[in-house]
C-alpha atoms as a PDB file:
ATOM      1  CA  UNK A   1     106.389 113.500  97.867  1.00  0.00           C
ATOM      2  CA  UNK A   2     105.203 112.707  94.353  1.00  0.00           C
ATOM      3  CA  UNK A   3     101.907 111.243  95.542  1.00  0.00           C
ATOM      4  CA  UNK A   4     101.359 114.062  98.031  1.00  0.00           C
ATOM      5  CA  UNK A   5     101.803 116.659  95.294  1.00  0.00           C
ATOM      6  CA  UNK A   6      99.960 114.925  92.428  1.00  0.00           C
ATOM      7  CA  UNK A   7      97.188 113.068  94.224  1.00  0.00           C
ATOM      8  CA  UNK A   8      94.274 114.143  92.011  1.00  0.00           C
ATOM      9  CA  UNK A   9      96.159 113.519  88.771  1.00  0.00           C
ATOM     10  CA  UNK A  10      97.053 110.021  89.990  1.00  0.00           C
ATOM     11  CA  UNK A  11      93.522 109.343  91.245  1.00  0.00           C
ATOM     12  CA  UNK A  12      91.979 110.317  87.897  1.00  0.00           C
ATOM     13  CA  UNK A  13      94.555 109.069  85.420  1.00  0.00           C
ATOM     14  CA  UNK A  14      97.018 106.498  86.811  1.00  0.00           C
ATOM     15  CA  UNK A  15      96.144 102.978  85.673  1.00  0.00           C
ATOM     16  CA  UNK A  16      99.114 101.089  87.120  1.00  0.00           C
ATOM     17  CA  UNK A  17     102.350 101.314  89.064  1.00  0.00           C
ATOM     18  CA  UNK A  18     105.120  99.348  87.361  1.00  0.00           C
ATOM     19  CA  UNK A  19     107.968  99.308  89.867  1.00  0.00           C
ATOM     20  CA  UNK A  20     111.517  98.715  88.626  1.00  0.00           C
ATOM     21  CA  UNK A  21     113.824  97.764  91.468  1.00  0.00           C
ATOM     22  CA  UNK A  22     117.145  95.891  91.503  1.00  0.00           C
ATOM     23  CA  UNK A  23     117.090  94.522  87.965  1.00  0.00           C
ATOM     24  CA  UNK A  24     119.869  92.819  86.013  1.00  0.00           C
ATOM     25  CA  UNK A  25     121.917  91.733  89.005  1.00  0.00           C
ATOM     26  CA  UNK A  26     124.730  89.219  88.752  1.00  0.00           C
ATOM     27  CA  UNK A  27     123.428  85.624  89.023  1.00  0.00           C
ATOM     28  CA  UNK A  28     119.811  86.914  89.249  1.00  0.00           C
ATOM     29  CA  UNK A  29     118.319  83.952  87.400  1.00  0.00           C
ATOM     30  CA  UNK A  30     114.976  83.732  89.273  1.00  0.00           C
ATOM     31  CA  UNK A  31     112.243  85.915  87.724  1.00  0.00           C
ATOM     32  CA  UNK A  32     109.159  83.758  88.246  1.00  0.00           C
ATOM     33  CA  UNK A  33     108.523  84.826  91.854  1.00  0.00           C
ATOM     34  CA  UNK A  34     108.262  88.580  91.301  1.00  0.00           C
ATOM     35  CA  UNK A  35     105.694  90.447  93.475  1.00  0.00           C
ATOM     36  CA  UNK A  36     102.266  91.292  92.050  1.00  0.00           C
ATOM     37  CA  UNK A  37      98.654  91.941  93.049  1.00  0.00           C
ATOM     38  CA  UNK A  38      95.898  89.433  92.243  1.00  0.00           C
ATOM     39  CA  UNK A  39      94.517  91.697  89.502  1.00  0.00           C
ATOM     40  CA  UNK A  40      97.980  92.077  87.871  1.00  0.00           C
ATOM     41  CA  UNK A  41      99.006  88.420  88.240  1.00  0.00           C
ATOM     42  CA  UNK A  42      98.021  87.376  84.713  1.00  0.00           C
ATOM     43  CA  UNK A  43      99.711  90.425  83.191  1.00  0.00           C
ATOM     44  CA  UNK A  44     102.975  89.452  84.897  1.00  0.00           C
ATOM     45  CA  UNK A  45     102.486  85.794  83.983  1.00  0.00           C
ATOM     46  CA  UNK A  46     102.128  86.643  80.304  1.00  0.00           C
ATOM     47  CA  UNK A  47     105.141  88.967  80.247  1.00  0.00           C
ATOM     48  CA  UNK A  48     107.461  86.505  81.970  1.00  0.00           C
ATOM     49  CA  UNK A  49     106.250  83.528  79.943  1.00  0.00           C
ATOM     50  CA  UNK A  50     106.665  85.386  76.634  1.00  0.00           C
ATOM     51  CA  UNK A  51     110.100  86.865  77.391  1.00  0.00           C
ATOM     52  CA  UNK A  52     111.696  84.295  79.715  1.00  0.00           C
ATOM     53  CA  UNK A  53     109.858  81.094  78.824  1.00  0.00           C
ATOM     54  CA  UNK A  54     109.184  80.134  82.448  1.00  0.00           C
ATOM     55  CA  UNK A  55     105.967  79.633  84.377  1.00  0.00           C
ATOM     56  CA  UNK A  56     105.132  82.451  86.761  1.00  0.00           C
ATOM     57  CA  UNK A  57     104.331  81.641  90.389  1.00  0.00           C
ATOM     58  CA  UNK A  58     104.562  85.124  91.912  1.00  0.00           C
ATOM     59  CA  UNK A  59     104.174  86.458  95.419  1.00  0.00           C
ATOM     60  CA  UNK A  60     101.987  89.189  96.876  1.00  0.00           C
ATOM     61  CA  UNK A  61     103.211  92.741  96.869  1.00  0.00           C
ATOM     62  CA  UNK A  62     104.157  94.129 100.277  1.00  0.00           C
ATOM     63  CA  UNK A  63     104.847  97.668 101.450  1.00  0.00           C
ATOM     64  CA  UNK A  64     108.359  97.872 100.070  1.00  0.00           C
ATOM     65  CA  UNK A  65     109.888  98.874  96.727  1.00  0.00           C
ATOM     66  CA  UNK A  66     108.328 102.306  97.287  1.00  0.00           C
ATOM     67  CA  UNK A  67     104.692 101.223  97.081  1.00  0.00           C
ATOM     68  CA  UNK A  68     103.588 104.808  97.678  1.00  0.00           C
ATOM     69  CA  UNK A  69     100.515 104.601  95.438  1.00  0.00           C
ATOM     70  CA  UNK A  70      98.577 102.002  97.437  1.00  0.00           C
ATOM     71  CA  UNK A  71      96.485 104.608  99.258  1.00  0.00           C
ATOM     72  CA  UNK A  72      95.350 106.152  95.972  1.00  0.00           C
ATOM     73  CA  UNK A  73      94.325 102.655  94.902  1.00  0.00           C
ATOM     74  CA  UNK A  74      96.702 102.209  91.989  1.00  0.00           C
ATOM     75  CA  UNK A  75      97.158  98.598  90.870  1.00  0.00           C
ATOM     76  CA  UNK A  76     100.790  97.553  91.128  1.00  0.00           C
ATOM     77  CA  UNK A  77     102.987  95.044  89.342  1.00  0.00           C
ATOM     78  CA  UNK A  78     106.560  94.068  90.238  1.00  0.00           C
ATOM     79  CA  UNK A  79     109.005  95.477  92.764  1.00  0.00           C
ATOM     80  CA  UNK A  80     112.193  93.660  93.651  1.00  0.00           C
ATOM     81  CA  UNK A  81     112.279  91.691  90.426  1.00  0.00           C
ATOM     82  CA  UNK A  82     115.051  89.269  89.462  1.00  0.00           C
ATOM     83  CA  UNK A  83     116.739  87.408  92.323  1.00  0.00           C
ATOM     84  CA  UNK A  84     119.481  84.891  92.915  1.00  0.00           C
ATOM     85  CA  UNK A  85     118.753  81.182  93.218  1.00  0.00           C
ATOM     86  CA  UNK A  86     118.160  80.399  96.899  1.00  0.00           C
ATOM     87  CA  UNK A  87     120.160  77.166  96.613  1.00  0.00           C
ATOM     88  CA  UNK A  88     123.195  78.996  95.253  1.00  0.00           C
ATOM     89  CA  UNK A  89     122.926  81.866  97.741  1.00  0.00           C
ATOM     90  CA  UNK A  90     122.507  79.973 101.017  1.00  0.00           C
ATOM     91  CA  UNK A  91     125.246  81.911 102.762  1.00  0.00           C
ATOM     92  CA  UNK A  92     124.080  85.268 101.420  1.00  0.00           C
ATOM     93  CA  UNK A  93     122.856  88.087 103.650  1.00  0.00           C
ATOM     94  CA  UNK A  94     120.892  89.428 100.699  1.00  0.00           C
ATOM     95  CA  UNK A  95     117.385  90.834 100.992  1.00  0.00           C
ATOM     96  CA  UNK A  96     114.484  88.383 100.620  1.00  0.00           C
ATOM     97  CA  UNK A  97     110.759  89.038 100.971  1.00  0.00           C
ATOM     98  CA  UNK A  98     107.526  87.051 100.877  1.00  0.00           C
ATOM     99  CA  UNK A  99     106.943  83.321 100.729  1.00  0.00           C
ATOM    100  CA  UNK A 100     109.277  82.128  98.013  1.00  0.00           C
ATOM    101  CA  UNK A 101     110.559  78.715  97.029  1.00  0.00           C
ATOM    102  CA  UNK A 102     113.371  79.636  94.637  1.00  0.00           C
ATOM    103  CA  UNK A 103     114.180  83.327  95.053  1.00  0.00           C
ATOM    104  CA  UNK A 104     117.234  83.884  97.221  1.00  0.00           C
ATOM    105  CA  UNK A 105     117.463  87.661  97.330  1.00  0.00           C
ATOM    106  CA  UNK A 106     119.347  90.417  95.554  1.00  0.00           C
ATOM    107  CA  UNK A 107     122.992  89.656  96.339  1.00  0.00           C
ATOM    108  CA  UNK A 108     125.184  90.170  99.386  1.00  0.00           C
ATOM    109  CA  UNK A 109     126.255  93.557  98.026  1.00  0.00           C
ATOM    110  CA  UNK A 110     122.708  95.003  97.914  1.00  0.00           C
ATOM    111  CA  UNK A 111     122.522  98.481  99.503  1.00  0.00           C
ATOM    112  CA  UNK A 112     126.167  98.486 100.545  1.00  0.00           C
ATOM    113  CA  UNK A 113     129.197 100.375  99.265  1.00  0.00           C
ATOM    114  CA  UNK A 114     129.910  97.303  97.137  1.00  0.00           C
ATOM    115  CA  UNK A 115     126.684  97.746  95.106  1.00  0.00           C
ATOM    116  CA  UNK A 116     128.554  98.944  92.007  1.00  0.00           C
ATOM    117  CA  UNK A 117     128.339  98.532  88.240  1.00  0.00           C
ATOM    118  CA  UNK A 118     130.391  95.339  88.252  1.00  0.00           C
ATOM    119  CA  UNK A 119     127.492  93.594  90.044  1.00  0.00           C
ATOM    120  CA  UNK A 120     125.315  93.960  86.927  1.00  0.00           C
ATOM    121  CA  UNK A 121     125.027  91.294  84.244  1.00  0.00           C
ATOM    122  CA  UNK A 122     124.368  92.900  80.811  1.00  0.00           C
ATOM    123  CA  UNK A 123     122.544  89.824  79.482  1.00  0.00           C
ATOM    124  CA  UNK A 124     120.233  89.580  82.495  1.00  0.00           C
ATOM    125  CA  UNK A 125     119.690  93.330  82.467  1.00  0.00           C
ATOM    126  CA  UNK A 126     118.532  93.113  78.845  1.00  0.00           C
ATOM    127  CA  UNK A 127     116.189  90.240  79.755  1.00  0.00           C
ATOM    128  CA  UNK A 128     114.657  92.227  82.608  1.00  0.00           C
ATOM    129  CA  UNK A 129     114.292  95.298  80.395  1.00  0.00           C
ATOM    130  CA  UNK A 130     112.353  93.242  77.853  1.00  0.00           C
ATOM    131  CA  UNK A 131     109.969  91.987  80.549  1.00  0.00           C
ATOM    132  CA  UNK A 132     109.281  95.553  81.653  1.00  0.00           C
ATOM    133  CA  UNK A 133     108.872  96.786  78.085  1.00  0.00           C
ATOM    134  CA  UNK A 134     106.361  94.011  77.386  1.00  0.00           C
ATOM    135  CA  UNK A 135     104.419  94.865  80.553  1.00  0.00           C
ATOM    136  CA  UNK A 136     104.310  98.572  79.712  1.00  0.00           C
ATOM    137  CA  UNK A 137     103.317  97.817  76.120  1.00  0.00           C
ATOM    138  CA  UNK A 138     100.347  95.758  77.300  1.00  0.00           C
ATOM    139  CA  UNK A 139      99.224  98.481  79.705  1.00  0.00           C
ATOM    140  CA  UNK A 140      99.462 101.219  77.088  1.00  0.00           C
ATOM    141  CA  UNK A 141      98.446  99.408  73.904  1.00  0.00           C
ATOM    142  CA  UNK A 142      95.630  97.002  74.848  1.00  0.00           C
ATOM    143  CA  UNK A 143      92.154  98.367  74.198  1.00  0.00           C
ATOM    144  CA  UNK A 144      91.174  97.830  77.837  1.00  0.00           C
ATOM    145  CA  UNK A 145      93.442  97.588  80.859  1.00  0.00           C
ATOM    146  CA  UNK A 146      95.041  94.106  81.095  1.00  0.00           C
ATOM    147  CA  UNK A 147      93.747  93.591  84.650  1.00  0.00           C
ATOM    148  CA  UNK A 148      91.684  90.659  85.917  1.00  0.00           C
ATOM    149  CA  UNK A 149      89.692  92.328  88.661  1.00  0.00           C
ATOM    150  CA  UNK A 150      87.690  89.281  89.698  1.00  0.00           C
ATOM    151  CA  UNK A 151      90.960  87.650  90.762  1.00  0.00           C
ATOM    152  CA  UNK A 152      91.014  90.318  93.471  1.00  0.00           C
ATOM    153  CA  UNK A 153      87.565  89.487  94.828  1.00  0.00           C
ATOM    154  CA  UNK A 154      88.332  85.771  94.719  1.00  0.00           C
ATOM    155  CA  UNK A 155      91.410  86.458  96.826  1.00  0.00           C
ATOM    156  CA  UNK A 156      89.236  88.442  99.249  1.00  0.00           C
ATOM    157  CA  UNK A 157      86.718  85.606  99.469  1.00  0.00           C
ATOM    158  CA  UNK A 158      89.493  83.160 100.355  1.00  0.00           C
ATOM    159  CA  UNK A 159      90.614  85.464 103.173  1.00  0.00           C
ATOM    160  CA  UNK A 160      87.056  85.904 104.479  1.00  0.00           C
ATOM    161  CA  UNK A 161      86.446  82.133 104.417  1.00  0.00           C
ATOM    162  CA  UNK A 162      89.693  81.432 106.270  1.00  0.00           C
ATOM    163  CA  UNK A 163      88.865  84.038 108.922  1.00  0.00           C
ATOM    164  CA  UNK A 164      85.381  82.624 109.320  1.00  0.00           C
ATOM    165  CA  UNK A 165      86.811  79.182 110.018  1.00  0.00           C
ATOM    166  CA  UNK A 166      89.238  80.594 112.577  1.00  0.00           C
ATOM    167  CA  UNK A 167      86.692  82.771 114.388  1.00  0.00           C
ATOM    168  CA  UNK A 168      83.839  80.264 114.351  1.00  0.00           C
ATOM    169  CA  UNK A 169      80.809  81.552 116.261  1.00  0.00           C
ATOM    170  CA  UNK A 170      82.717  84.585 117.556  1.00  0.00           C
ATOM    171  CA  UNK A 171      81.945  86.586 114.419  1.00  0.00           C
ATOM    172  CA  UNK A 172      79.458  86.328 111.567  1.00  0.00           C
ATOM    173  CA  UNK A 173      81.059  86.870 108.156  1.00  0.00           C
ATOM    174  CA  UNK A 174      77.978  85.783 106.177  1.00  0.00           C
ATOM    175  CA  UNK A 175      76.853  89.226 105.003  1.00  0.00           C
ATOM    176  CA  UNK A 176      80.380  90.266 104.046  1.00  0.00           C
ATOM    177  CA  UNK A 177      80.957  87.030 102.122  1.00  0.00           C
ATOM    178  CA  UNK A 178      77.633  87.360 100.285  1.00  0.00           C
ATOM    179  CA  UNK A 179      78.378  90.937  99.292  1.00  0.00           C
ATOM    180  CA  UNK A 180      81.880  90.039  98.131  1.00  0.00           C
ATOM    181  CA  UNK A 181      80.439  87.206  96.031  1.00  0.00           C
ATOM    182  CA  UNK A 182      78.018  89.661  94.409  1.00  0.00           C
ATOM    183  CA  UNK A 183      80.896  92.026  93.648  1.00  0.00           C
ATOM    184  CA  UNK A 184      82.895  89.109  92.263  1.00  0.00           C
ATOM    185  CA  UNK A 185      80.053  88.254  89.867  1.00  0.00           C
ATOM    186  CA  UNK A 186      79.898  91.848  88.606  1.00  0.00           C
ATOM    187  CA  UNK A 187      83.668  92.042  88.171  1.00  0.00           C
ATOM    188  CA  UNK A 188      83.672  88.793  86.205  1.00  0.00           C
ATOM    189  CA  UNK A 189      81.278  90.528  83.819  1.00  0.00           C
ATOM    190  CA  UNK A 190      83.542  93.578  83.655  1.00  0.00           C
ATOM    191  CA  UNK A 191      86.554  91.349  82.939  1.00  0.00           C
ATOM    192  CA  UNK A 192      84.661  89.745  80.048  1.00  0.00           C
ATOM    193  CA  UNK A 193      83.664  93.168  78.736  1.00  0.00           C
ATOM    194  CA  UNK A 194      87.282  94.315  78.881  1.00  0.00           C
ATOM    195  CA  UNK A 195      88.537  91.180  77.119  1.00  0.00           C
ATOM    196  CA  UNK A 196      86.064  91.754  74.257  1.00  0.00           C
ATOM    197  CA  UNK A 197      86.635  95.516  74.004  1.00  0.00           C
ATOM    198  CA  UNK A 198      86.792  96.564  70.337  1.00  0.00           C
ATOM    199  CA  UNK A 199      88.533  99.439  68.541  1.00  0.00           C
ATOM    200  CA  UNK A 200      85.876 101.976  69.422  1.00  0.00           C
ATOM    201  CA  UNK A 201      87.456 104.996  71.177  1.00  0.00           C
ATOM    202  CA  UNK A 202      84.270 105.849  73.090  1.00  0.00           C
ATOM    203  CA  UNK A 203      83.825 102.261  74.317  1.00  0.00           C
ATOM    204  CA  UNK A 204      87.520 101.983  75.187  1.00  0.00           C
ATOM    205  CA  UNK A 205      87.293 105.124  77.339  1.00  0.00           C
ATOM    206  CA  UNK A 206      84.104 103.873  78.993  1.00  0.00           C
ATOM    207  CA  UNK A 207      85.448 100.423  79.847  1.00  0.00           C
ATOM    208  CA  UNK A 208      88.818 101.728  81.054  1.00  0.00           C
ATOM    209  CA  UNK A 209      87.170 104.297  83.322  1.00  0.00           C
ATOM    210  CA  UNK A 210      85.017 101.558  84.903  1.00  0.00           C
ATOM    211  CA  UNK A 211      88.056  99.320  85.341  1.00  0.00           C
ATOM    212  CA  UNK A 212      90.043 102.143  86.907  1.00  0.00           C
ATOM    213  CA  UNK A 213      87.381 102.938  89.493  1.00  0.00           C
ATOM    214  CA  UNK A 214      86.846  99.292  90.407  1.00  0.00           C
ATOM    215  CA  UNK A 215      90.584  98.620  90.654  1.00  0.00           C
ATOM    216  CA  UNK A 216      91.063 101.591  92.977  1.00  0.00           C
ATOM    217  CA  UNK A 217      88.505 100.266  95.447  1.00  0.00           C
ATOM    218  CA  UNK A 218      89.968  96.743  95.381  1.00  0.00           C
ATOM    219  CA  UNK A 219      93.521  97.980  95.888  1.00  0.00           C
ATOM    220  CA  UNK A 220      92.546 100.183  98.813  1.00  0.00           C
ATOM    221  CA  UNK A 221      90.649  97.333 100.478  1.00  0.00           C
ATOM    222  CA  UNK A 222      93.300  94.672  99.894  1.00  0.00           C
ATOM    223  CA  UNK A 223      96.505  96.642 100.346  1.00  0.00           C
ATOM    224  CA  UNK A 224      95.945  99.803 102.413  1.00  0.00           C
ATOM    225  CA  UNK A 225      95.129 100.248 106.076  1.00  0.00           C
ATOM    226  CA  UNK A 226      95.416 103.930 107.007  1.00  0.00           C
ATOM    227  CA  UNK A 227      93.661 106.992 105.671  1.00  0.00           C
ATOM    228  CA  UNK A 228      93.991 106.819 101.880  1.00  0.00           C
ATOM    229  CA  UNK A 229      95.938 110.098 101.854  1.00  0.00           C
ATOM    230  CA  UNK A 230      98.483 108.762 104.322  1.00  0.00           C
ATOM    231  CA  UNK A 231     101.232 106.147 103.966  1.00  0.00           C
ATOM    232  CA  UNK A 232     101.139 102.798 105.766  1.00  0.00           C
ATOM    233  CA  UNK A 233     104.246 101.591 107.523  1.00  0.00           C
ATOM    234  CA  UNK A 234     106.466  99.322 105.452  1.00  0.00           C
ATOM    235  CA  UNK A 235     106.339  95.557 105.802  1.00  0.00           C
ATOM    236  CA  UNK A 236     103.968  92.740 104.970  1.00  0.00           C
ATOM    237  CA  UNK A 237     100.295  93.398 104.270  1.00  0.00           C
ATOM    238  CA  UNK A 238      97.444  91.397 105.765  1.00  0.00           C
ATOM    239  CA  UNK A 239      95.254  90.233 102.816  1.00  0.00           C
ATOM    240  CA  UNK A 240      92.415  92.600 103.836  1.00  0.00           C
ATOM    241  CA  UNK A 241      94.011  94.991 106.362  1.00  0.00           C
ATOM    242  CA  UNK A 242      90.664  96.128 107.805  1.00  0.00           C
ATOM    243  CA  UNK A 243      89.963  92.542 108.901  1.00  0.00           C
ATOM    244  CA  UNK A 244      93.314  91.828 110.553  1.00  0.00           C
ATOM    245  CA  UNK A 245      91.713  92.020 114.018  1.00  0.00           C
ATOM    246  CA  UNK A 246      89.998  88.726 113.170  1.00  0.00           C
ATOM    247  CA  UNK A 247      93.303  86.931 113.671  1.00  0.00           C
ATOM    248  CA  UNK A 248      93.504  88.298 117.231  1.00  0.00           C
ATOM    249  CA  UNK A 249      89.838  87.599 117.900  1.00  0.00           C
ATOM    250  CA  UNK A 250      90.336  83.924 117.019  1.00  0.00           C
ATOM    251  CA  UNK A 251      92.978  83.645 119.766  1.00  0.00           C
ATOM    252  CA  UNK A 252      91.037  85.452 122.520  1.00  0.00           C
ATOM    253  CA  UNK A 253      89.079  83.792 125.292  1.00  0.00           C
ATOM    254  CA  UNK A 254      85.362  84.467 124.602  1.00  0.00           C
ATOM    255  CA  UNK A 255      83.995  87.139 126.900  1.00  0.00           C
ATOM    256  CA  UNK A 256      87.385  88.538 127.875  1.00  0.00           C
ATOM    257  CA  UNK A 257      88.213  92.227 127.539  1.00  0.00           C
ATOM    258  CA  UNK A 258      90.642  91.445 124.696  1.00  0.00           C
ATOM    259  CA  UNK A 259      87.889  89.473 122.969  1.00  0.00           C
ATOM    260  CA  UNK A 260      85.488  92.432 123.038  1.00  0.00           C
ATOM    261  CA  UNK A 261      88.192  94.880 121.921  1.00  0.00           C
ATOM    262  CA  UNK A 262      89.178  92.680 118.968  1.00  0.00           C
ATOM    263  CA  UNK A 263      85.548  92.058 118.060  1.00  0.00           C
ATOM    264  CA  UNK A 264      84.763  95.784 118.057  1.00  0.00           C
ATOM    265  CA  UNK A 265      87.789  96.515 115.864  1.00  0.00           C
ATOM    266  CA  UNK A 266      86.817  93.702 113.497  1.00  0.00           C
ATOM    267  CA  UNK A 267      83.224  94.992 113.326  1.00  0.00           C
ATOM    268  CA  UNK A 268      84.472  98.423 112.282  1.00  0.00           C
ATOM    269  CA  UNK A 269      86.845  96.956 109.727  1.00  0.00           C
ATOM    270  CA  UNK A 270      84.082  94.758 108.356  1.00  0.00           C
ATOM    271  CA  UNK A 271      81.848  97.830 108.078  1.00  0.00           C
ATOM    272  CA  UNK A 272      84.504  99.604 106.036  1.00  0.00           C
ATOM    273  CA  UNK A 273      84.759  96.722 103.576  1.00  0.00           C
ATOM    274  CA  UNK A 274      80.983  96.276 103.283  1.00  0.00           C
ATOM    275  CA  UNK A 275      80.302  99.970 102.692  1.00  0.00           C
ATOM    276  CA  UNK A 276      83.010 100.298 100.033  1.00  0.00           C
ATOM    277  CA  UNK A 277      81.818  97.112  98.342  1.00  0.00           C
ATOM    278  CA  UNK A 278      78.190  98.320  98.395  1.00  0.00           C
ATOM    279  CA  UNK A 279      79.135 101.621  96.762  1.00  0.00           C
ATOM    280  CA  UNK A 280      81.157  99.824  94.077  1.00  0.00           C
ATOM    281  CA  UNK A 281      78.325  97.338  93.452  1.00  0.00           C
ATOM    282  CA  UNK A 282      75.836 100.178  93.017  1.00  0.00           C
ATOM    283  CA  UNK A 283      78.193 101.906  90.599  1.00  0.00           C
ATOM    284  CA  UNK A 284      78.817  98.765  88.541  1.00  0.00           C
ATOM    285  CA  UNK A 285      75.111  97.952  88.360  1.00  0.00           C
ATOM    286  CA  UNK A 286      74.505 101.446  86.957  1.00  0.00           C
ATOM    287  CA  UNK A 287      77.147 101.240  84.213  1.00  0.00           C
ATOM    288  CA  UNK A 288      77.334  97.582  83.132  1.00  0.00           C
END
């Protein structure tokens, strides 16, 4: 509802979605595997290292924890945050998501009638609050947005390379890879510009506006499948949703009807990514 009724305000002004979900739970000692996007990974790493003194490993954000802003292209950090130790919660029916090595979920009581105040730990709740305060402080107080946008394109390149190896001669990813590499080079320059941004209000506004536009395109390409004004179904997210048909193409017998259907779908998805990347490249070349 909020996105539907404030879409233009969010599109113009929202720099990040900091999701607070299930914090301060009893025995929730694992914080280093919280969900993030590639461009928000280093922000989360810094917050958790500074407050908790542990090394962040993270996992990719999925369509849960009310990720309603993905279509608008808002960069997101965190969701289900602090979790129980998987070793200590082996018999738990608690919620778990993503590929994790330590995180064991949110407690057997999660989303039941037993999810009451006695399941909170005041010390852990204070710890989690400090992590969120640090994250918000960085987003609001740094001269430029504390995003590393080139981490997004590097993640895209890894996906494209992996798909190319799976599909072999069935599909040519060369042009898409080359364009993504060009975008990556430009975003590395933007990341350097943002890191060096001085206390000049006009320059701060200029750099942040460029970052915001670039981040919106990356988020939509990496995390959203449907029309940008619609909401994708909840669940995991293929690294570049428009290219998911490549996984099916790799399994099809060449020349079969399923092969041609998957190849057509992949061609259209590839076109979407290339066109959006081209428009962003042209914009960045005009402003950097």
